[in-house]
Every structure is written in structure tokens, then in C-alpha cells.
Amino acid sequence: MQPTGGVIVNESDSAIIYCTYEANPFNVTDVQWFHEDEPLAVPTAGKYESSMQGYPTLTVRNVVKEDRGMYSCSLANAAGRGNATNYAEVNVLCKFDLFLH
């Protein structure tokens, strides 16, 4: 999982996470993403977008504080399926209103 140091993103921005791997055969046939160990439903557009060009990536759009936490992936190829052995952490810098009296 990349970036290994995690992602710090401002609220309403996007976060991109990479699922790096070593495999033989190298070609990935399926990727499943997880947030806090719960599977994510990742359509091709919307809140989440998954791409399989190069290393698989997950883009989390318009992040809010509920998007913070640990992300991981599971990949499949012709030989079988494997799970990530580490996580990428997303931290969200939230906007807040400050009123001075």
C-alpha cells in the first residue's frame, strides 16, 4: 500500500491510494478495496473510483471526516487471491467555522 506514510488531505479534496504488489503472474484480474476492513462498493464514478492502469489505485473524492482511517486492498490473478499485508492511513483536515465574540 502506498503512500506508506499515509495521506493527509483537506476536507473536500481527493485522496489517492496505491495498491502495490509483487505477483507471478503479474497481471491483476480483480481488485477489492477495504476501509477499516469493510469492503467498499467501488463503481467507476462517484465517491470512489478504482483504476487498474499500472498499479491499482483508489481515488476517494470529496473527502469528509468519515473517510479517515485505514485502507487496504485484495488482488486476484490467474494463480489466486492475496490480501495486502499493510494499510494506507488517510487523515482528513476538517474545515470548521470560528466565531469570535
Foldseek 3Di string as FASTA:
>chain_A
DPPPVAAEEEAQAKDKDFADDDDVVPDWDDKWKDFVNHTDDEDCDDQWHWDPDPTIMIMGGRDDQVRFGWMWMWTADPVGIDTDPGTHTYGYDYDDDDDDD
